[in-house]
Amino acid sequence: MKSDDGAAVHSAVGQLESLITALPPDARRDKALYQLERLRMAFQSSHQEAVRFAAFTVNKIVRDAESEWGAAVSTAMDALRESLHRAGHEF
């Protein structure tokens, strides 16, 4: 993985996190924020399985809430998915 790929993942996580943080508080939002933090920690420690699990979970939460959370959150999830793919992570 190139350092640019790592920076792109961190940037994508931060963008998605800021959009989700701005949503009204509820259990789904809190779970997404928790899983984004888990994703960040797993990515920093290069723990492949933990990255896969956290990314899968965040992706599912966002997809399930897509109609409520809007296009910006969905687009940010797409960017996170792509940055993880470029960094060598599949989920």
PDB file of N, CA and C in Angstrom:
ATOM      1  N   MET A   1       0.835  -1.182   0.000  1.00  0.00           N
ATOM      2  CA  MET A   1       0.000   0.000   0.000  1.00  0.00           C
ATOM      3  C   MET A   1       0.874   1.239   0.000  1.00  0.00           C
ATOM      4  N   LYS A   2       0.571   2.158  -0.876  1.00  0.00           N
ATOM      5  CA  LYS A   2       1.277   3.430  -0.916  1.00  0.00           C
ATOM      6  C   LYS A   2       0.736   4.340   0.178  1.00  0.00           C
ATOM      7  N   SER A   3       1.560   5.285   0.652  1.00  0.00           N
ATOM      8  CA  SER A   3       1.107   6.202   1.692  1.00  0.00           C
ATOM      9  C   SER A   3      -0.056   7.056   1.204  1.00  0.00           C
ATOM     10  N   ASP A   4      -0.107   7.338  -0.109  1.00  0.00           N
ATOM     11  CA  ASP A   4      -1.248   8.083  -0.656  1.00  0.00           C
ATOM     12  C   ASP A   4      -2.543   7.314  -0.457  1.00  0.00           C
ATOM     13  N   ASP A   5      -2.484   5.989  -0.588  1.00  0.00           N
ATOM     14  CA  ASP A   5      -3.667   5.161  -0.388  1.00  0.00           C
ATOM     15  C   ASP A   5      -4.138   5.241   1.063  1.00  0.00           C
ATOM     16  N   GLY A   6      -3.208   5.206   1.990  1.00  0.00           N
ATOM     17  CA  GLY A   6      -3.553   5.320   3.405  1.00  0.00           C
ATOM     18  C   GLY A   6      -4.155   6.673   3.726  1.00  0.00           C
ATOM     19  N   ALA A   7      -3.591   7.719   3.170  1.00  0.00           N
ATOM     20  CA  ALA A   7      -4.134   9.069   3.380  1.00  0.00           C
ATOM     21  C   ALA A   7      -5.535   9.178   2.795  1.00  0.00           C
ATOM     22  N   ALA A   8      -5.761   8.545   1.656  1.00  0.00           N
ATOM     23  CA  ALA A   8      -7.086   8.576   1.026  1.00  0.00           C
ATOM     24  C   ALA A   8      -8.117   7.863   1.900  1.00  0.00           C
ATOM     25  N   VAL A   9      -7.734   6.744   2.499  1.00  0.00           N
ATOM     26  CA  VAL A   9      -8.653   6.030   3.388  1.00  0.00           C
ATOM     27  C   VAL A   9      -8.990   6.891   4.596  1.00  0.00           C
ATOM     28  N   HIS A  10      -7.976   7.468   5.226  1.00  0.00           N
ATOM     29  CA  HIS A  10      -8.212   8.313   6.396  1.00  0.00           C
ATOM     30  C   HIS A  10      -9.090   9.511   6.046  1.00  0.00           C
ATOM     31  N   SER A  11      -8.858  10.089   4.895  1.00  0.00           N
ATOM     32  CA  SER A  11      -9.670  11.215   4.443  1.00  0.00           C
ATOM     33  C   SER A  11     -11.118  10.785   4.212  1.00  0.00           C
ATOM     34  N   ALA A  12     -11.301   9.642   3.564  1.00  0.00           N
ATOM     35  CA  ALA A  12     -12.650   9.139   3.281  1.00  0.00           C
ATOM     36  C   ALA A  12     -13.396   8.795   4.574  1.00  0.00           C
ATOM     37  N   VAL A  13     -12.704   8.193   5.527  1.00  0.00           N
ATOM     38  CA  VAL A  13     -13.322   7.896   6.824  1.00  0.00           C
ATOM     39  C   VAL A  13     -13.739   9.205   7.494  1.00  0.00           C
ATOM     40  N   GLY A  14     -12.862  10.192   7.483  1.00  0.00           N
ATOM     41  CA  GLY A  14     -13.166  11.479   8.102  1.00  0.00           C
ATOM     42  C   GLY A  14     -14.353  12.176   7.461  1.00  0.00           C
ATOM     43  N   GLN A  15     -14.428  12.122   6.135  1.00  0.00           N
ATOM     44  CA  GLN A  15     -15.545  12.747   5.427  1.00  0.00           C
ATOM     45  C   GLN A  15     -16.868  12.071   5.788  1.00  0.00           C
ATOM     46  N   LEU A  16     -16.887  10.748   5.750  1.00  0.00           N
ATOM     47  CA  LEU A  16     -18.105  10.021   6.089  1.00  0.00           C
ATOM     48  C   LEU A  16     -18.480  10.255   7.550  1.00  0.00           C
ATOM     49  N   GLU A  17     -17.494  10.239   8.403  1.00  0.00           N
ATOM     50  CA  GLU A  17     -17.733  10.460   9.825  1.00  0.00           C
ATOM     51  C   GLU A  17     -18.346  11.832  10.083  1.00  0.00           C
ATOM     52  N   SER A  18     -17.850  12.865   9.419  1.00  0.00           N
ATOM     53  CA  SER A  18     -18.394  14.210   9.635  1.00  0.00           C
ATOM     54  C   SER A  18     -19.840  14.303   9.157  1.00  0.00           C
ATOM     55  N   LEU A  19     -20.165  13.647   8.050  1.00  0.00           N
ATOM     56  CA  LEU A  19     -21.540  13.654   7.559  1.00  0.00           C
ATOM     57  C   LEU A  19     -22.482  12.900   8.498  1.00  0.00           C
ATOM     58  N   ILE A  20     -22.032  11.774   8.999  1.00  0.00           N
ATOM     59  CA  ILE A  20     -22.877  10.987   9.904  1.00  0.00           C
ATOM     60  C   ILE A  20     -23.016  11.684  11.258  1.00  0.00           C
ATOM     61  N   THR A  21     -21.969  12.316  11.719  1.00  0.00           N
ATOM     62  CA  THR A  21     -22.028  13.048  12.984  1.00  0.00           C
ATOM     63  C   THR A  21     -23.080  14.159  12.930  1.00  0.00           C
ATOM     64  N   ALA A  22     -23.254  14.754  11.771  1.00  0.00           N
ATOM     65  CA  ALA A  22     -24.215  15.843  11.608  1.00  0.00           C
ATOM     66  C   ALA A  22     -25.675  15.370  11.581  1.00  0.00           C
ATOM     67  N   LEU A  23     -25.893  14.060  11.488  1.00  0.00           N
ATOM     68  CA  LEU A  23     -27.252  13.518  11.469  1.00  0.00           C
ATOM     69  C   LEU A  23     -27.859  13.557  12.869  1.00  0.00           C
ATOM     70  N   PRO A  24     -29.196  13.547  12.953  1.00  0.00           N
ATOM     71  CA  PRO A  24     -29.827  13.482  14.281  1.00  0.00           C
ATOM     72  C   PRO A  24     -29.409  12.215  15.022  1.00  0.00           C
ATOM     73  N   PRO A  25     -29.127  12.340  16.299  1.00  0.00           N
ATOM     74  CA  PRO A  25     -28.680  11.178  17.076  1.00  0.00           C
ATOM     75  C   PRO A  25     -29.737  10.073  17.126  1.00  0.00           C
ATOM     76  N   ASP A  26     -29.297   8.857  16.910  1.00  0.00           N
ATOM     77  CA  ASP A  26     -30.104   7.661  17.123  1.00  0.00           C
ATOM     78  C   ASP A  26     -29.159   6.470  17.177  1.00  0.00           C
ATOM     79  N   ALA A  27     -29.715   5.295  17.434  1.00  0.00           N
ATOM     80  CA  ALA A  27     -28.883   4.099  17.610  1.00  0.00           C
ATOM     81  C   ALA A  27     -28.120   3.741  16.341  1.00  0.00           C
ATOM     82  N   ARG A  28     -28.747   3.900  15.182  1.00  0.00           N
ATOM     83  CA  ARG A  28     -28.085   3.549  13.913  1.00  0.00           C
ATOM     84  C   ARG A  28     -26.887   4.468  13.680  1.00  0.00           C
ATOM     85  N   ARG A  29     -27.088   5.749  13.887  1.00  0.00           N
ATOM     86  CA  ARG A  29     -26.008   6.731  13.731  1.00  0.00           C
ATOM     87  C   ARG A  29     -24.853   6.390  14.674  1.00  0.00           C
ATOM     88  N   ASP A  30     -25.176   6.121  15.939  1.00  0.00           N
ATOM     89  CA  ASP A  30     -24.129   5.803  16.917  1.00  0.00           C
ATOM     90  C   ASP A  30     -23.364   4.540  16.541  1.00  0.00           C
ATOM     91  N   LYS A  31     -24.084   3.541  16.018  1.00  0.00           N
ATOM     92  CA  LYS A  31     -23.428   2.299  15.596  1.00  0.00           C
ATOM     93  C   LYS A  31     -22.495   2.561  14.416  1.00  0.00           C
ATOM     94  N   ALA A  32     -22.929   3.390  13.475  1.00  0.00           N
ATOM     95  CA  ALA A  32     -22.078   3.725  12.328  1.00  0.00           C
ATOM     96  C   ALA A  32     -20.814   4.443  12.792  1.00  0.00           C
ATOM     97  N   LEU A  33     -20.971   5.393  13.703  1.00  0.00           N
ATOM     98  CA  LEU A  33     -19.798   6.128  14.202  1.00  0.00           C
ATOM     99  C   LEU A  33     -18.843   5.193  14.945  1.00  0.00           C
ATOM    100  N   TYR A  34     -19.391   4.273  15.725  1.00  0.00           N
ATOM    101  CA  TYR A  34     -18.562   3.296  16.431  1.00  0.00           C
ATOM    102  C   TYR A  34     -17.781   2.439  15.441  1.00  0.00           C
ATOM    103  N   GLN A  35     -18.468   1.949  14.404  1.00  0.00           N
ATOM    104  CA  GLN A  35     -17.806   1.092  13.420  1.00  0.00           C
ATOM    105  C   GLN A  35     -16.782   1.875  12.598  1.00  0.00           C
ATOM    106  N   LEU A  36     -17.026   3.151  12.345  1.00  0.00           N
ATOM    107  CA  LEU A  36     -16.017   3.965  11.652  1.00  0.00           C
ATOM    108  C   LEU A  36     -14.759   4.103  12.502  1.00  0.00           C
ATOM    109  N   GLU A  37     -14.929   4.251  13.807  1.00  0.00           N
ATOM    110  CA  GLU A  37     -13.762   4.322  14.694  1.00  0.00           C
ATOM    111  C   GLU A  37     -13.029   2.984  14.707  1.00  0.00           C
ATOM    112  N   ARG A  38     -13.767   1.891  14.727  1.00  0.00           N
ATOM    113  CA  ARG A  38     -13.151   0.561  14.661  1.00  0.00           C
ATOM    114  C   ARG A  38     -12.391   0.394  13.340  1.00  0.00           C
ATOM    115  N   LEU A  39     -12.990   0.873  12.262  1.00  0.00           N
ATOM    116  CA  LEU A  39     -12.342   0.810  10.948  1.00  0.00           C
ATOM    117  C   LEU A  39     -11.042   1.595  10.959  1.00  0.00           C
ATOM    118  N   ARG A  40     -11.082   2.776  11.512  1.00  0.00           N
ATOM    119  CA  ARG A  40      -9.878   3.612  11.594  1.00  0.00           C
ATOM    120  C   ARG A  40      -8.769   2.891  12.364  1.00  0.00           C
ATOM    121  N   MET A  41      -9.119   2.318  13.516  1.00  0.00           N
ATOM    122  CA  MET A  41      -8.112   1.623  14.329  1.00  0.00           C
ATOM    123  C   MET A  41      -7.588   0.381  13.614  1.00  0.00           C
ATOM    124  N   ALA A  42      -8.472  -0.373  12.982  1.00  0.00           N
ATOM    125  CA  ALA A  42      -8.048  -1.586  12.271  1.00  0.00           C
ATOM    126  C   ALA A  42      -7.140  -1.242  11.104  1.00  0.00           C
ATOM    127  N   PHE A  43      -7.484  -0.197  10.376  1.00  0.00           N
ATOM    128  CA  PHE A  43      -6.670   0.216   9.235  1.00  0.00           C
ATOM    129  C   PHE A  43      -5.284   0.661   9.705  1.00  0.00           C
ATOM    130  N   GLN A  44      -5.231   1.435  10.786  1.00  0.00           N
ATOM    131  CA  GLN A  44      -3.948   1.908  11.308  1.00  0.00           C
ATOM    132  C   GLN A  44      -3.057   0.759  11.762  1.00  0.00           C
ATOM    133  N   SER A  45      -3.679  -0.316  12.255  1.00  0.00           N
ATOM    134  CA  SER A  45      -2.875  -1.447  12.724  1.00  0.00           C
ATOM    135  C   SER A  45      -2.732  -2.542  11.666  1.00  0.00           C
ATOM    136  N   SER A  46      -3.226  -2.274  10.453  1.00  0.00           N
ATOM    137  CA  SER A  46      -3.132  -3.218   9.334  1.00  0.00           C
ATOM    138  C   SER A  46      -3.749  -4.574   9.656  1.00  0.00           C
ATOM    139  N   HIS A  47      -4.844  -4.565  10.351  1.00  0.00           N
ATOM    140  CA  HIS A  47      -5.547  -5.794  10.711  1.00  0.00           C
ATOM    141  C   HIS A  47      -6.614  -6.056   9.651  1.00  0.00           C
ATOM    142  N   GLN A  48      -6.273  -6.882   8.676  1.00  0.00           N
ATOM    143  CA  GLN A  48      -7.100  -7.128   7.497  1.00  0.00           C
ATOM    144  C   GLN A  48      -8.532  -7.554   7.839  1.00  0.00           C
ATOM    145  N   GLU A  49      -8.666  -8.520   8.701  1.00  0.00           N
ATOM    146  CA  GLU A  49     -10.000  -9.038   9.014  1.00  0.00           C
ATOM    147  C   GLU A  49     -10.841  -7.993   9.736  1.00  0.00           C
ATOM    148  N   ALA A  50     -10.238  -7.246  10.639  1.00  0.00           N
ATOM    149  CA  ALA A  50     -10.975  -6.199  11.344  1.00  0.00           C
ATOM    150  C   ALA A  50     -11.382  -5.075  10.387  1.00  0.00           C
ATOM    151  N   VAL A  51     -10.520  -4.742   9.431  1.00  0.00           N
ATOM    152  CA  VAL A  51     -10.873  -3.754   8.413  1.00  0.00           C
ATOM    153  C   VAL A  51     -12.067  -4.257   7.618  1.00  0.00           C
ATOM    154  N   ARG A  52     -12.008  -5.489   7.194  1.00  0.00           N
ATOM    155  CA  ARG A  52     -13.085  -6.062   6.400  1.00  0.00           C
ATOM    156  C   ARG A  52     -14.407  -6.038   7.159  1.00  0.00           C
ATOM    157  N   PHE A  53     -14.383  -6.466   8.409  1.00  0.00           N
ATOM    158  CA  PHE A  53     -15.605  -6.516   9.198  1.00  0.00           C
ATOM    159  C   PHE A  53     -16.183  -5.119   9.430  1.00  0.00           C
ATOM    160  N   ALA A  54     -15.348  -4.177   9.855  1.00  0.00           N
ATOM    161  CA  ALA A  54     -15.834  -2.824  10.134  1.00  0.00           C
ATOM    162  C   ALA A  54     -16.338  -2.149   8.861  1.00  0.00           C
ATOM    163  N   ALA A  55     -15.616  -2.316   7.768  1.00  0.00           N
ATOM    164  CA  ALA A  55     -16.035  -1.709   6.501  1.00  0.00           C
ATOM    165  C   ALA A  55     -17.357  -2.305   6.031  1.00  0.00           C
ATOM    166  N   PHE A  56     -17.485  -3.616   6.132  1.00  0.00           N
ATOM    167  CA  PHE A  56     -18.734  -4.279   5.746  1.00  0.00           C
ATOM    168  C   PHE A  56     -19.895  -3.746   6.587  1.00  0.00           C
ATOM    169  N   THR A  57     -19.680  -3.623   7.888  1.00  0.00           N
ATOM    170  CA  THR A  57     -20.742  -3.175   8.786  1.00  0.00           C
ATOM    171  C   THR A  57     -21.138  -1.732   8.505  1.00  0.00           C
ATOM    172  N   VAL A  58     -20.162  -0.850   8.327  1.00  0.00           N
ATOM    173  CA  VAL A  58     -20.471   0.547   7.999  1.00  0.00           C
ATOM    174  C   VAL A  58     -21.224   0.614   6.677  1.00  0.00           C
ATOM    175  N   ASN A  59     -20.759  -0.129   5.702  1.00  0.00           N
ATOM    176  CA  ASN A  59     -21.408  -0.138   4.401  1.00  0.00           C
ATOM    177  C   ASN A  59     -22.876  -0.575   4.528  1.00  0.00           C
ATOM    178  N   LYS A  60     -23.128  -1.624   5.298  1.00  0.00           N
ATOM    179  CA  LYS A  60     -24.497  -2.112   5.479  1.00  0.00           C
ATOM    180  C   LYS A  60     -25.358  -1.071   6.182  1.00  0.00           C
ATOM    181  N   ILE A  61     -24.837  -0.460   7.208  1.00  0.00           N
ATOM    182  CA  ILE A  61     -25.604   0.566   7.932  1.00  0.00           C
ATOM    183  C   ILE A  61     -25.970   1.706   6.989  1.00  0.00           C
ATOM    184  N   VAL A  62     -24.999   2.177   6.224  1.00  0.00           N
ATOM    185  CA  VAL A  62     -25.247   3.289   5.297  1.00  0.00           C
ATOM    186  C   VAL A  62     -26.257   2.873   4.236  1.00  0.00           C
ATOM    187  N   ARG A  63     -26.114   1.704   3.665  1.00  0.00           N
ATOM    188  CA  ARG A  63     -27.056   1.245   2.632  1.00  0.00           C
ATOM    189  C   ARG A  63     -28.466   1.098   3.198  1.00  0.00           C
ATOM    190  N   ASP A  64     -28.588   0.592   4.413  1.00  0.00           N
ATOM    191  CA  ASP A  64     -29.901   0.440   5.035  1.00  0.00           C
ATOM    192  C   ASP A  64     -30.554   1.789   5.342  1.00  0.00           C
ATOM    193  N   ALA A  65     -29.744   2.813   5.586  1.00  0.00           N
ATOM    194  CA  ALA A  65     -30.255   4.144   5.944  1.00  0.00           C
ATOM    195  C   ALA A  65     -30.236   5.116   4.774  1.00  0.00           C
ATOM    196  N   GLU A  66     -29.905   4.636   3.594  1.00  0.00           N
ATOM    197  CA  GLU A  66     -29.696   5.499   2.433  1.00  0.00           C
ATOM    198  C   GLU A  66     -30.853   6.467   2.189  1.00  0.00           C
ATOM    199  N   SER A  67     -32.071   6.004   2.269  1.00  0.00           N
ATOM    200  CA  SER A  67     -33.212   6.884   1.986  1.00  0.00           C
ATOM    201  C   SER A  67     -33.375   7.957   3.060  1.00  0.00           C
ATOM    202  N   GLU A  68     -32.956   7.667   4.279  1.00  0.00           N
ATOM    203  CA  GLU A  68     -33.059   8.631   5.373  1.00  0.00           C
ATOM    204  C   GLU A  68     -31.850   9.571   5.432  1.00  0.00           C
ATOM    205  N   TRP A  69     -30.667   9.044   5.162  1.00  0.00           N
ATOM    206  CA  TRP A  69     -29.447   9.809   5.345  1.00  0.00           C
ATOM    207  C   TRP A  69     -29.042  10.617   4.124  1.00  0.00           C
ATOM    208  N   GLY A  70     -29.562  10.288   2.977  1.00  0.00           N
ATOM    209  CA  GLY A  70     -29.350  11.096   1.789  1.00  0.00           C
ATOM    210  C   GLY A  70     -28.154  10.706   0.936  1.00  0.00           C
ATOM    211  N   ALA A  71     -28.099  11.402  -0.202  1.00  0.00           N
ATOM    212  CA  ALA A  71     -27.104  11.100  -1.233  1.00  0.00           C
ATOM    213  C   ALA A  71     -25.679  11.430  -0.808  1.00  0.00           C
ATOM    214  N   ALA A  72     -25.492  12.468  -0.018  1.00  0.00           N
ATOM    215  CA  ALA A  72     -24.126  12.853   0.372  1.00  0.00           C
ATOM    216  C   ALA A  72     -23.455  11.745   1.182  1.00  0.00           C
ATOM    217  N   VAL A  73     -24.201  11.132   2.096  1.00  0.00           N
ATOM    218  CA  VAL A  73     -23.652  10.040   2.904  1.00  0.00           C
ATOM    219  C   VAL A  73     -23.360   8.833   2.011  1.00  0.00           C
ATOM    220  N   SER A  74     -24.272   8.541   1.108  1.00  0.00           N
ATOM    221  CA  SER A  74     -24.077   7.419   0.190  1.00  0.00           C
ATOM    222  C   SER A  74     -22.847   7.635  -0.692  1.00  0.00           C
ATOM    223  N   THR A  75     -22.688   8.840  -1.195  1.00  0.00           N
ATOM    224  CA  THR A  75     -21.523   9.170  -2.025  1.00  0.00           C
ATOM    225  C   THR A  75     -20.230   9.067  -1.222  1.00  0.00           C
ATOM    226  N   ALA A  76     -20.263   9.514   0.031  1.00  0.00           N
ATOM    227  CA  ALA A  76     -19.083   9.412   0.889  1.00  0.00           C
ATOM    228  C   ALA A  76     -18.742   7.952   1.168  1.00  0.00           C
ATOM    229  N   MET A  77     -19.762   7.097   1.297  1.00  0.00           N
ATOM    230  CA  MET A  77     -19.508   5.658   1.488  1.00  0.00           C
ATOM    231  C   MET A  77     -18.885   5.073   0.237  1.00  0.00           C
ATOM    232  N   ASP A  78     -19.353   5.485  -0.922  1.00  0.00           N
ATOM    233  CA  ASP A  78     -18.756   5.024  -2.180  1.00  0.00           C
ATOM    234  C   ASP A  78     -17.275   5.397  -2.239  1.00  0.00           C
ATOM    235  N   ALA A  79     -16.949   6.621  -1.817  1.00  0.00           N
ATOM    236  CA  ALA A  79     -15.554   7.078  -1.822  1.00  0.00           C
ATOM    237  C   ALA A  79     -14.713   6.271  -0.837  1.00  0.00           C
ATOM    238  N   LEU A  80     -15.284   5.955   0.323  1.00  0.00           N
ATOM    239  CA  LEU A  80     -14.562   5.132   1.303  1.00  0.00           C
ATOM    240  C   LEU A  80     -14.324   3.736   0.746  1.00  0.00           C
ATOM    241  N   ARG A  81     -15.348   3.156   0.150  1.00  0.00           N
ATOM    242  CA  ARG A  81     -15.209   1.822  -0.443  1.00  0.00           C
ATOM    243  C   ARG A  81     -14.098   1.815  -1.492  1.00  0.00           C
ATOM    244  N   GLU A  82     -14.090   2.820  -2.360  1.00  0.00           N
ATOM    245  CA  GLU A  82     -13.072   2.906  -3.414  1.00  0.00           C
ATOM    246  C   GLU A  82     -11.673   3.098  -2.820  1.00  0.00           C
ATOM    247  N   SER A  83     -11.554   3.941  -1.799  1.00  0.00           N
ATOM    248  CA  SER A  83     -10.228   4.162  -1.199  1.00  0.00           C
ATOM    249  C   SER A  83      -9.713   2.889  -0.531  1.00  0.00           C
ATOM    250  N   LEU A  84     -10.606   2.143   0.108  1.00  0.00           N
ATOM    251  CA  LEU A  84     -10.192   0.870   0.702  1.00  0.00           C
ATOM    252  C   LEU A  84      -9.770  -0.124  -0.375  1.00  0.00           C
ATOM    253  N   HIS A  85     -10.503  -0.154  -1.458  1.00  0.00           N
ATOM    254  CA  HIS A  85     -10.151  -1.038  -2.580  1.00  0.00           C
ATOM    255  C   HIS A  85      -8.752  -0.696  -3.120  1.00  0.00           C
ATOM    256  N   ARG A  86      -8.489   0.584  -3.326  1.00  0.00           N
ATOM    257  CA  ARG A  86      -7.161   0.993  -3.815  1.00  0.00           C
ATOM    258  C   ARG A  86      -6.055   0.650  -2.841  1.00  0.00           C
ATOM    259  N   ALA A  87      -6.410   0.610  -1.539  1.00  0.00           N
ATOM    260  CA  ALA A  87      -5.420   0.275  -0.519  1.00  0.00           C
ATOM    261  C   ALA A  87      -5.291  -1.243  -0.323  1.00  0.00           C
ATOM    262  N   GLY A  88      -6.056  -2.017  -1.123  1.00  0.00           N
ATOM    263  CA  GLY A  88      -5.917  -3.467  -1.069  1.00  0.00           C
ATOM    264  C   GLY A  88      -6.894  -4.180  -0.154  1.00  0.00           C
ATOM    265  N   HIS A  89      -7.951  -3.506   0.266  1.00  0.00           N
ATOM    266  CA  HIS A  89      -8.928  -4.108   1.169  1.00  0.00           C
ATOM    267  C   HIS A  89     -10.234  -4.357   0.427  1.00  0.00           C
ATOM    268  N   GLU A  90     -10.712  -5.579   0.520  1.00  0.00           N
ATOM    269  CA  GLU A  90     -12.004  -5.963  -0.065  1.00  0.00           C
ATOM    270  C   GLU A  90     -12.936  -6.362   1.050  1.00  0.00           C
ATOM    271  N   PHE A  91     -14.189  -6.085   0.843  1.00  0.00           N
ATOM    272  CA  PHE A  91     -15.190  -6.514   1.827  1.00  0.00           C
ATOM    273  C   PHE A  91     -16.508  -6.793   1.157  1.00  0.00           C
TER     274      PHE A  91
END
